Each structure stands twice: as C-alpha cells, then as structure tokens.
C-alpha atoms as a PDB file:
ATOM      1  CA  MET A   1      60.048 116.575 213.423  1.00  0.00           C
ATOM      2  CA  VAL A   2      60.834 114.398 216.422  1.00  0.00           C
ATOM      3  CA  VAL A   3      59.140 111.264 215.074  1.00  0.00           C
ATOM      4  CA  MET A   4      60.984 111.483 211.763  1.00  0.00           C
ATOM      5  CA  ARG A   5      64.357 111.913 213.507  1.00  0.00           C
ATOM      6  CA  HIS A   6      63.520 108.906 215.665  1.00  0.00           C
ATOM      7  CA  LEU A   7      62.595 106.782 212.633  1.00  0.00           C
ATOM      8  CA  ASN A   8      65.737 107.813 210.775  1.00  0.00           C
ATOM      9  CA  GLN A   9      67.889 106.795 213.743  1.00  0.00           C
ATOM     10  CA  ILE A  10      66.224 103.388 213.800  1.00  0.00           C
ATOM     11  CA  LYS A  11      66.669 102.988 210.040  1.00  0.00           C
ATOM     12  CA  ARG A  12      70.407 103.757 210.312  1.00  0.00           C
ATOM     13  CA  LEU A  13      70.739 101.118 212.997  1.00  0.00           C
ATOM     14  CA  LEU A  14      68.778  98.582 211.007  1.00  0.00           C
ATOM     15  CA  ARG A  15      70.680  98.907 207.737  1.00  0.00           C
ATOM     16  CA  PRO A  16      73.894  97.017 208.329  1.00  0.00           C
ATOM     17  CA  HIS A  17      73.379  94.539 211.098  1.00  0.00           C
ATOM     18  CA  LEU A  18      69.929  93.322 212.050  1.00  0.00           C
ATOM     19  CA  THR A  19      68.612  89.935 211.123  1.00  0.00           C
ATOM     20  CA  ARG A  20      65.185  89.636 209.538  1.00  0.00           C
ATOM     21  CA  ASN A  21      63.483  88.665 212.800  1.00  0.00           C
ATOM     22  CA  LEU A  22      64.993  91.499 214.791  1.00  0.00           C
ATOM     23  CA  CYS A  23      64.150  93.909 211.968  1.00  0.00           C
ATOM     24  CA  LYS A  24      60.555  92.715 212.110  1.00  0.00           C
ATOM     25  CA  ASN A  25      60.313  93.276 215.860  1.00  0.00           C
ATOM     26  CA  VAL A  26      61.770  96.777 215.760  1.00  0.00           C
ATOM     27  CA  SER A  27      59.652  97.798 212.774  1.00  0.00           C
ATOM     28  CA  ASN A  28      56.426  96.577 214.360  1.00  0.00           C
ATOM     29  CA  VAL A  29      57.026  98.807 217.379  1.00  0.00           C
ATOM     30  CA  SER A  30      58.206 101.870 215.484  1.00  0.00           C
ATOM     31  CA  PHE A  31      56.083 102.042 212.336  1.00  0.00           C
ATOM     32  CA  MET A  32      52.597 101.451 213.777  1.00  0.00           C
ATOM     33  CA  LYS A  33      50.210 103.642 215.748  1.00  0.00           C
ATOM     34  CA  PHE A  34      47.113 102.067 217.273  1.00  0.00           C
ATOM     35  CA  HIS A  35      43.872 104.003 217.709  1.00  0.00           C
ATOM     36  CA  LYS A  36      40.855 103.293 219.907  1.00  0.00           C
ATOM     37  CA  ASP A  37      40.636 100.306 222.242  1.00  0.00           C
ATOM     38  CA  TRP A  38      42.202  97.130 220.883  1.00  0.00           C
ATOM     39  CA  PRO A  39      41.477  93.743 222.488  1.00  0.00           C
ATOM     40  CA  GLU A  40      44.720  92.140 223.600  1.00  0.00           C
ATOM     41  CA  ASN A  41      44.399  89.135 221.285  1.00  0.00           C
ATOM     42  CA  ASP A  42      43.780  91.279 218.203  1.00  0.00           C
ATOM     43  CA  TYR A  43      46.724  93.485 219.116  1.00  0.00           C
ATOM     44  CA  LYS A  44      49.082  90.511 219.438  1.00  0.00           C
ATOM     45  CA  ASP A  45      47.796  88.924 216.231  1.00  0.00           C
ATOM     46  CA  PHE A  46      48.235  92.181 214.357  1.00  0.00           C
ATOM     47  CA  LEU A  47      51.846  92.586 215.499  1.00  0.00           C
ATOM     48  CA  ARG A  48      52.495  89.029 214.359  1.00  0.00           C
ATOM     49  CA  ASP A  49      50.799  89.415 210.960  1.00  0.00           C
ATOM     50  CA  MET A  50      51.692  92.981 209.898  1.00  0.00           C
ATOM     51  CA  THR A  51      55.337  93.782 209.199  1.00  0.00           C
ATOM     52  CA  VAL A  52      57.253  96.774 207.844  1.00  0.00           C
ATOM     53  CA  ILE A  53      60.914  96.385 206.906  1.00  0.00           C
ATOM     54  CA  PRO A  54      62.606  99.729 206.179  1.00  0.00           C
ATOM     55  CA  ASP A  55      65.298 100.157 203.530  1.00  0.00           C
ATOM     56  CA  PHE A  56      64.417  96.795 202.048  1.00  0.00           C
ATOM     57  CA  ILE A  57      65.821  97.678 198.632  1.00  0.00           C
ATOM     58  CA  THR A  58      68.765  99.854 197.653  1.00  0.00           C
ATOM     59  CA  LYS A  59      68.787 102.946 195.480  1.00  0.00           C
ATOM     60  CA  GLU A  60      70.470 100.913 192.747  1.00  0.00           C
ATOM     61  CA  GLU A  61      67.682  98.312 192.872  1.00  0.00           C
ATOM     62  CA  VAL A  62      65.045 101.070 192.732  1.00  0.00           C
ATOM     63  CA  ASP A  63      66.729 102.711 189.742  1.00  0.00           C
ATOM     64  CA  LYS A  64      66.869  99.404 187.867  1.00  0.00           C
ATOM     65  CA  ILE A  65      63.182  98.694 188.481  1.00  0.00           C
ATOM     66  CA  LEU A  66      62.209 102.201 187.371  1.00  0.00           C
ATOM     67  CA  GLU A  67      64.376 101.855 184.285  1.00  0.00           C
ATOM     68  CA  GLU A  68      62.341  98.806 183.305  1.00  0.00           C
ATOM     69  CA  ILE A  69      58.804  99.952 184.139  1.00  0.00           C
ATOM     70  CA  GLU A  70      58.847 103.714 183.532  1.00  0.00           C
ATOM     71  CA  PRO A  71      58.813 103.569 179.696  1.00  0.00           C
ATOM     72  CA  TYR A  72      55.618 101.526 179.856  1.00  0.00           C
ATOM     73  CA  LEU A  73      53.953 103.579 182.618  1.00  0.00           C
ATOM     74  CA  LYS A  74      54.644 106.863 180.820  1.00  0.00           C
ATOM     75  CA  ARG A  75      52.492 105.710 177.913  1.00  0.00           C
ATOM     76  CA  MET A  76      49.510 105.399 180.264  1.00  0.00           C
ATOM     77  CA  ARG A  77      47.266 108.084 181.721  1.00  0.00           C
ATOM     78  CA  TYR A  78      46.374 108.401 185.374  1.00  0.00           C
ATOM     79  CA  GLU A  79      42.807 107.255 185.955  1.00  0.00           C
ATOM     80  CA  PHE A  80      40.413 108.799 188.453  1.00  0.00           C
ATOM     81  CA  ASP A  81      37.373 106.613 187.820  1.00  0.00           C
ATOM     82  CA  HIS A  82      38.304 103.105 188.901  1.00  0.00           C
ATOM     83  CA  TRP A  83      35.829 100.420 187.905  1.00  0.00           C
ATOM     84  CA  ASP A  84      35.037  99.590 191.538  1.00  0.00           C
ATOM     85  CA  ASP A  85      35.748 103.106 192.904  1.00  0.00           C
ATOM     86  CA  ALA A  86      38.548 101.820 195.147  1.00  0.00           C
ATOM     87  CA  ILE A  87      41.494 103.769 193.669  1.00  0.00           C
ATOM     88  CA  HIS A  88      41.751 107.372 192.459  1.00  0.00           C
ATOM     89  CA  GLY A  89      44.665 108.837 190.493  1.00  0.00           C
ATOM     90  CA  PHE A  90      46.465 105.695 189.398  1.00  0.00           C
ATOM     91  CA  ARG A  91      48.125 103.752 186.618  1.00  0.00           C
ATOM     92  CA  GLU A  92      48.573 100.013 186.955  1.00  0.00           C
ATOM     93  CA  THR A  93      49.890  97.000 185.149  1.00  0.00           C
ATOM     94  CA  GLU A  94      51.175  93.492 185.816  1.00  0.00           C
ATOM     95  CA  ARG A  95      54.518  91.980 184.936  1.00  0.00           C
ATOM     96  CA  GLN A  96      55.619  88.375 184.890  1.00  0.00           C
ATOM     97  CA  HIS A  97      59.018  88.533 183.181  1.00  0.00           C
ATOM     98  CA  TRP A  98      61.718  90.868 184.502  1.00  0.00           C
ATOM     99  CA  TYR A  99      65.230  91.867 183.520  1.00  0.00           C
ATOM    100  CA  PRO A 100      67.740  89.584 185.327  1.00  0.00           C
ATOM    101  CA  GLN A 101      68.765  92.061 188.038  1.00  0.00           C
ATOM    102  CA  ASN A 102      65.158  93.028 188.735  1.00  0.00           C
ATOM    103  CA  LYS A 103      64.174  89.384 188.845  1.00  0.00           C
ATOM    104  CA  GLU A 104      66.611  89.023 191.756  1.00  0.00           C
ATOM    105  CA  THR A 105      64.859  91.877 193.557  1.00  0.00           C
ATOM    106  CA  ILE A 106      61.435  90.322 193.001  1.00  0.00           C
ATOM    107  CA  GLU A 107      62.746  87.009 194.301  1.00  0.00           C
ATOM    108  CA  LYS A 108      64.068  88.802 197.381  1.00  0.00           C
ATOM    109  CA  ILE A 109      60.524  90.034 198.082  1.00  0.00           C
ATOM    110  CA  ARG A 110      59.094  86.564 197.591  1.00  0.00           C
ATOM    111  CA  ASN A 111      61.721  84.822 199.696  1.00  0.00           C
ATOM    112  CA  THR A 112      61.233  87.293 202.553  1.00  0.00           C
ATOM    113  CA  ALA A 113      57.444  87.398 202.629  1.00  0.00           C
ATOM    114  CA  PHE A 114      56.192  84.010 201.480  1.00  0.00           C
ATOM    115  CA  GLN A 115      56.379  80.336 202.183  1.00  0.00           C
ATOM    116  CA  GLY A 116      55.285  78.333 199.191  1.00  0.00           C
ATOM    117  CA  GLU A 117      54.278  79.385 195.702  1.00  0.00           C
ATOM    118  CA  THR A 118      53.324  82.918 194.701  1.00  0.00           C
ATOM    119  CA  LEU A 119      51.213  84.179 191.824  1.00  0.00           C
ATOM    120  CA  PRO A 120      53.404  84.587 188.722  1.00  0.00           C
ATOM    121  CA  HIS A 121      52.317  88.125 187.865  1.00  0.00           C
ATOM    122  CA  VAL A 122      53.567  91.056 189.956  1.00  0.00           C
ATOM    123  CA  HIS A 123      51.162  93.981 190.368  1.00  0.00           C
ATOM    124  CA  ILE A 124      52.606  97.451 189.666  1.00  0.00           C
ATOM    125  CA  LEU A 125      50.491 100.332 190.998  1.00  0.00           C
ATOM    126  CA  ASP A 126      51.538 103.898 190.187  1.00  0.00           C
ATOM    127  CA  LEU A 127      49.667 106.324 192.449  1.00  0.00           C
ATOM    128  CA  ALA A 128      49.766 110.026 191.581  1.00  0.00           C
ATOM    129  CA  ALA A 129      50.711 112.599 194.219  1.00  0.00           C
ATOM    130  CA  ASP A 130      47.027 113.483 194.651  1.00  0.00           C
ATOM    131  CA  GLY A 131      45.914 109.864 194.357  1.00  0.00           C
ATOM    132  CA  LEU A 132      44.632 107.598 197.101  1.00  0.00           C
ATOM    133  CA  ILE A 133      43.416 104.064 197.727  1.00  0.00           C
ATOM    134  CA  LYS A 134      40.081 103.840 199.536  1.00  0.00           C
ATOM    135  CA  PRO A 135      39.457 101.316 202.321  1.00  0.00           C
ATOM    136  CA  HIS A 136      38.700  97.871 200.972  1.00  0.00           C
ATOM    137  CA  VAL A 137      39.144  94.152 201.561  1.00  0.00           C
ATOM    138  CA  ASP A 138      40.655  92.059 198.765  1.00  0.00           C
ATOM    139  CA  SER A 139      38.721  89.030 197.590  1.00  0.00           C
ATOM    140  CA  VAL A 140      39.738  85.638 198.945  1.00  0.00           C
ATOM    141  CA  ARG A 141      39.227  84.262 195.425  1.00  0.00           C
ATOM    142  CA  TYR A 142      42.013  86.296 193.856  1.00  0.00           C
ATOM    143  CA  CYS A 143      44.663  86.348 196.565  1.00  0.00           C
ATOM    144  CA  GLY A 144      45.833  83.984 199.260  1.00  0.00           C
ATOM    145  CA  SER A 145      46.838  84.649 202.844  1.00  0.00           C
ATOM    146  CA  THR A 146      49.672  87.114 202.176  1.00  0.00           C
ATOM    147  CA  ILE A 147      50.293  90.376 200.319  1.00  0.00           C
ATOM    148  CA  ALA A 148      53.738  92.007 200.192  1.00  0.00           C
ATOM    149  CA  GLY A 149      54.633  95.316 198.585  1.00  0.00           C
ATOM    150  CA  VAL A 150      57.673  97.546 198.165  1.00  0.00           C
ATOM    151  CA  SER A 151      56.991 101.306 198.288  1.00  0.00           C
ATOM    152  CA  LEU A 152      58.968 103.379 195.783  1.00  0.00           C
ATOM    153  CA  LEU A 153      59.477 107.152 195.368  1.00  0.00           C
ATOM    154  CA  SER A 154      57.514 108.353 198.412  1.00  0.00           C
ATOM    155  CA  ASP A 155      56.655 107.798 202.042  1.00  0.00           C
ATOM    156  CA  SER A 156      52.981 107.117 202.746  1.00  0.00           C
ATOM    157  CA  VAL A 157      50.558 106.029 205.445  1.00  0.00           C
ATOM    158  CA  MET A 158      48.484 102.868 205.239  1.00  0.00           C
ATOM    159  CA  ARG A 159      45.433 102.577 207.504  1.00  0.00           C
ATOM    160  CA  LEU A 160      43.911  99.255 208.517  1.00  0.00           C
ATOM    161  CA  VAL A 161      40.462  99.296 210.146  1.00  0.00           C
ATOM    162  CA  ARG A 162      39.009  96.276 211.953  1.00  0.00           C
ATOM    163  CA  ILE A 163      35.861  94.852 210.386  1.00  0.00           C
ATOM    164  CA  ASP A 164      33.479  91.970 210.954  1.00  0.00           C
ATOM    165  CA  GLU A 165      35.494  89.457 208.952  1.00  0.00           C
ATOM    166  CA  GLU A 166      32.716  86.891 208.670  1.00  0.00           C
ATOM    167  CA  LYS A 167      30.381  89.414 207.076  1.00  0.00           C
ATOM    168  CA  TYR A 168      33.050  90.594 204.638  1.00  0.00           C
ATOM    169  CA  LYS A 169      34.142  87.071 203.767  1.00  0.00           C
ATOM    170  CA  GLN A 170      30.628  86.248 202.679  1.00  0.00           C
ATOM    171  CA  ASN A 171      30.306  89.382 200.573  1.00  0.00           C
ATOM    172  CA  VAL A 172      33.774  89.594 199.032  1.00  0.00           C
ATOM    173  CA  GLU A 173      34.143  86.134 197.498  1.00  0.00           C
ATOM    174  CA  ASN A 174      32.722  87.115 194.105  1.00  0.00           C
ATOM    175  CA  ASP A 175      34.153  90.655 194.053  1.00  0.00           C
ATOM    176  CA  TYR A 176      37.737  91.648 193.377  1.00  0.00           C
ATOM    177  CA  ARG A 177      37.507  94.187 196.214  1.00  0.00           C
ATOM    178  CA  LYS A 178      34.854  94.953 198.812  1.00  0.00           C
ATOM    179  CA  GLN A 179      34.470  98.458 200.224  1.00  0.00           C
ATOM    180  CA  PRO A 180      32.670  99.275 203.475  1.00  0.00           C
ATOM    181  CA  ASP A 181      29.039 100.230 203.108  1.00  0.00           C
ATOM    182  CA  LYS A 182      28.926 103.621 204.800  1.00  0.00           C
ATOM    183  CA  SER A 183      25.143 103.722 204.615  1.00  0.00           C
ATOM    184  CA  GLU A 184      24.793 100.547 206.673  1.00  0.00           C
ATOM    185  CA  GLU A 185      23.020 101.147 209.971  1.00  0.00           C
ATOM    186  CA  ASN A 186      23.948  99.357 213.176  1.00  0.00           C
ATOM    187  CA  SER A 187      27.244  98.141 211.724  1.00  0.00           C
ATOM    188  CA  THR A 188      28.869  95.245 213.536  1.00  0.00           C
ATOM    189  CA  ASP A 189      32.366  96.383 212.539  1.00  0.00           C
ATOM    190  CA  PRO A 190      34.525  96.995 215.661  1.00  0.00           C
ATOM    191  CA  GLY A 191      36.206 100.005 213.996  1.00  0.00           C
ATOM    192  CA  TYR A 192      39.475 100.240 215.925  1.00  0.00           C
ATOM    193  CA  PHE A 193      42.381 100.850 213.581  1.00  0.00           C
ATOM    194  CA  ALA A 194      46.126 101.182 213.066  1.00  0.00           C
ATOM    195  CA  ASP A 195      48.093 103.648 210.966  1.00  0.00           C
ATOM    196  CA  ILE A 196      51.206 102.165 209.347  1.00  0.00           C
ATOM    197  CA  TYR A 197      54.081 104.392 208.281  1.00  0.00           C
ATOM    198  CA  LEU A 198      55.558 103.109 205.004  1.00  0.00           C
ATOM    199  CA  PRO A 199      58.896 104.795 204.309  1.00  0.00           C
ATOM    200  CA  GLN A 200      60.185 105.011 200.782  1.00  0.00           C
ATOM    201  CA  ASN A 201      61.959 101.738 199.806  1.00  0.00           C
ATOM    202  CA  SER A 202      60.337  99.782 202.636  1.00  0.00           C
ATOM    203  CA  LEU A 203      58.588  96.420 202.350  1.00  0.00           C
ATOM    204  CA  TYR A 204      55.232  95.814 204.012  1.00  0.00           C
ATOM    205  CA  ILE A 205      53.862  92.316 204.570  1.00  0.00           C
ATOM    206  CA  MET A 206      50.201  91.659 205.412  1.00  0.00           C
ATOM    207  CA  ARG A 207      49.403  88.121 206.521  1.00  0.00           C
ATOM    208  CA  ASP A 208      46.380  86.235 207.797  1.00  0.00           C
ATOM    209  CA  THR A 209      44.460  88.397 210.326  1.00  0.00           C
ATOM    210  CA  ALA A 210      45.917  91.653 208.968  1.00  0.00           C
ATOM    211  CA  ARG A 211      44.924  90.498 205.510  1.00  0.00           C
ATOM    212  CA  PHE A 212      41.392  89.227 206.229  1.00  0.00           C
ATOM    213  CA  ASN A 213      40.130  91.098 209.306  1.00  0.00           C
ATOM    214  CA  PHE A 214      40.861  94.695 208.284  1.00  0.00           C
ATOM    215  CA  THR A 215      40.207  97.042 205.425  1.00  0.00           C
ATOM    216  CA  HIS A 216      43.374  98.660 204.111  1.00  0.00           C
ATOM    217  CA  GLU A 217      43.910 101.975 202.348  1.00  0.00           C
ATOM    218  CA  ILE A 218      46.597 104.508 201.410  1.00  0.00           C
ATOM    219  CA  LEU A 219      45.668 107.876 202.861  1.00  0.00           C
ATOM    220  CA  GLY A 220      45.428 110.953 200.664  1.00  0.00           C
ATOM    221  CA  ASN A 221      47.378 114.049 201.631  1.00  0.00           C
ATOM    222  CA  ASP A 222      44.326 115.710 203.204  1.00  0.00           C
ATOM    223  CA  ASN A 223      44.521 113.322 206.170  1.00  0.00           C
ATOM    224  CA  SER A 224      47.882 111.571 205.827  1.00  0.00           C
ATOM    225  CA  MET A 225      49.322 111.799 209.344  1.00  0.00           C
ATOM    226  CA  PHE A 226      51.544 109.629 211.491  1.00  0.00           C
ATOM    227  CA  ASP A 227      52.042 110.188 215.208  1.00  0.00           C
ATOM    228  CA  GLY A 228      50.566 113.673 214.865  1.00  0.00           C
ATOM    229  CA  ASN A 229      52.836 114.741 212.002  1.00  0.00           C
ATOM    230  CA  PRO A 230      51.865 115.139 208.330  1.00  0.00           C
ATOM    231  CA  VAL A 231      53.292 112.645 205.859  1.00  0.00           C
ATOM    232  CA  ILE A 232      53.035 114.244 202.428  1.00  0.00           C
ATOM    233  CA  LYS A 233      52.803 111.611 199.744  1.00  0.00           C
ATOM    234  CA  SER A 234      54.256 112.403 196.340  1.00  0.00           C
ATOM    235  CA  ARG A 235      54.003 110.004 193.422  1.00  0.00           C
ATOM    236  CA  ARG A 236      54.205 106.449 194.806  1.00  0.00           C
ATOM    237  CA  ILE A 237      54.835 103.202 192.954  1.00  0.00           C
ATOM    238  CA  SER A 238      54.187  99.923 194.740  1.00  0.00           C
ATOM    239  CA  ILE A 239      55.522  96.571 193.563  1.00  0.00           C
ATOM    240  CA  VAL A 240      53.109  93.999 194.992  1.00  0.00           C
ATOM    241  CA  CYS A 241      53.421  90.218 195.194  1.00  0.00           C
ATOM    242  CA  ARG A 242      50.672  87.842 196.299  1.00  0.00           C
ATOM    243  CA  ASN A 243      50.426  84.152 197.001  1.00  0.00           C
ATOM    244  CA  LYS A 244      47.891  81.786 195.512  1.00  0.00           C
ATOM    245  CA  PRO A 245      44.390  81.303 196.931  1.00  0.00           C
ATOM    246  CA  LYS A 246      43.767  77.901 198.444  1.00  0.00           C
ATOM    247  CA  ASP A 247      41.545  76.808 195.577  1.00  0.00           C
ATOM    248  CA  PHE A 248      43.801  78.230 192.840  1.00  0.00           C
END
C-alpha cells in the first residue's frame, strides 16, 4: 500500500538522526488525517497538542517490558463488559515498581512527554485483537493535562472527535470516563475529527486541547482505516503515563 510505504520511508529517516522537535513536526504531518471542516485555530492547536513519535522504543526494550508484564497478564481473562462500557476485550493493571531496565524506559516516556511530576502508577492496557476502546473523555479529576502511551505488538488507529468541552467538563468531573450521549438531540458538539495512525512501538502524546476538547477511541477492525487503507489491529498493549490533576 502506498501510504504504508510512505510511512516506512519516513520512519527509516527518523530513526537515526532527527531531534525530538523535528520528529514531532514530521510525525504530526504524516500520522494524522483530518475529516470535515476544521477551524484554523483548532487545527493549529491540535497539531501543537497531539504528537506521534514512531519507533520510540526498541525491540529489546519491548521484549524486556513484555518479559515483566506477560506472566501477570496471562493469569487474567479478557473482559467484554467494562464497568462503564468504554472498553471491550481487555485486560488491565497498574504498575508502580519496574525492573531496572524497564524503569529506564518508563522514565524515557516521562521525560519526553511531561514537564513536572507524573502519577506514580503506570496504566497497562492489554486489548485483544477483536477489542476496542469506545469514544470517551477522561475525567479531569483523575488525570492532568497530558496522557502519553507507547503502543506495543500492533499498529492501530486512534480517532479524536471534537466535542463541546464546556458541556463535557461539567459532566465528567465525577466520572472516571464520560461517553457521548448518542440519544441527545440538537447536540452542540462540532463533530469534526482526526484519525491518528499509531504504529507499533510508537509513542503518542495528548496534551491540553487534544486531551480536553475531543473524545478519543481505538477503532475496532470493522472500521479501522487510515488514509483509505485498512489497519488491522492484532493484540495491542499500551503503556500509559499520566500527570497529576491540578488539585491532586
């Protein structure tokens, strides 16, 4: 596929030489597709606040992380009835203490994505091949301005849809996640959206407007497309770090 060859060429160029800032600029252009009519200010803010860095971790780093977490994950069953109906086909846990080499990898995520203190526990989400994450907005009570996650084992597509952030902010404060109310009539949500291609071993960073003004989801294989081409997701593990809420 043309788009995949193009992305692979970019990734080969990025590996040895680019600085973090240049990597950010190239990734923003190449790993995002915008749909419907975006106001110029929202478009600029989104490019500033949503970042994908390909090949962020090496195969050796991936293998070491899997070596640590797989024995625990294998004792768990995939769940298809999440308590708030936001995730289907998943196993999840949190981890605060890591083996020394993996601790270095976690610190690399934190040093790249955050300024200031992060939450001590790292979220590990194991999504089955037929699993998906439905569109939702994370509560401002449980996470600060930034979320950063490394994607392991599979490529995937994340979709972010513009919402009325003031309405969601009011409704999400006491909930861990808030999903769109599809039954709502005369919705004030703008509804334009972006699809984000997340290659295996990439790091995504959602800050500020990308974090608060959009729902985010991981598309299931029935509609997982990027630039007109299918992106078939197999089992995907994400290693997610967050910073502290303001009132933490």
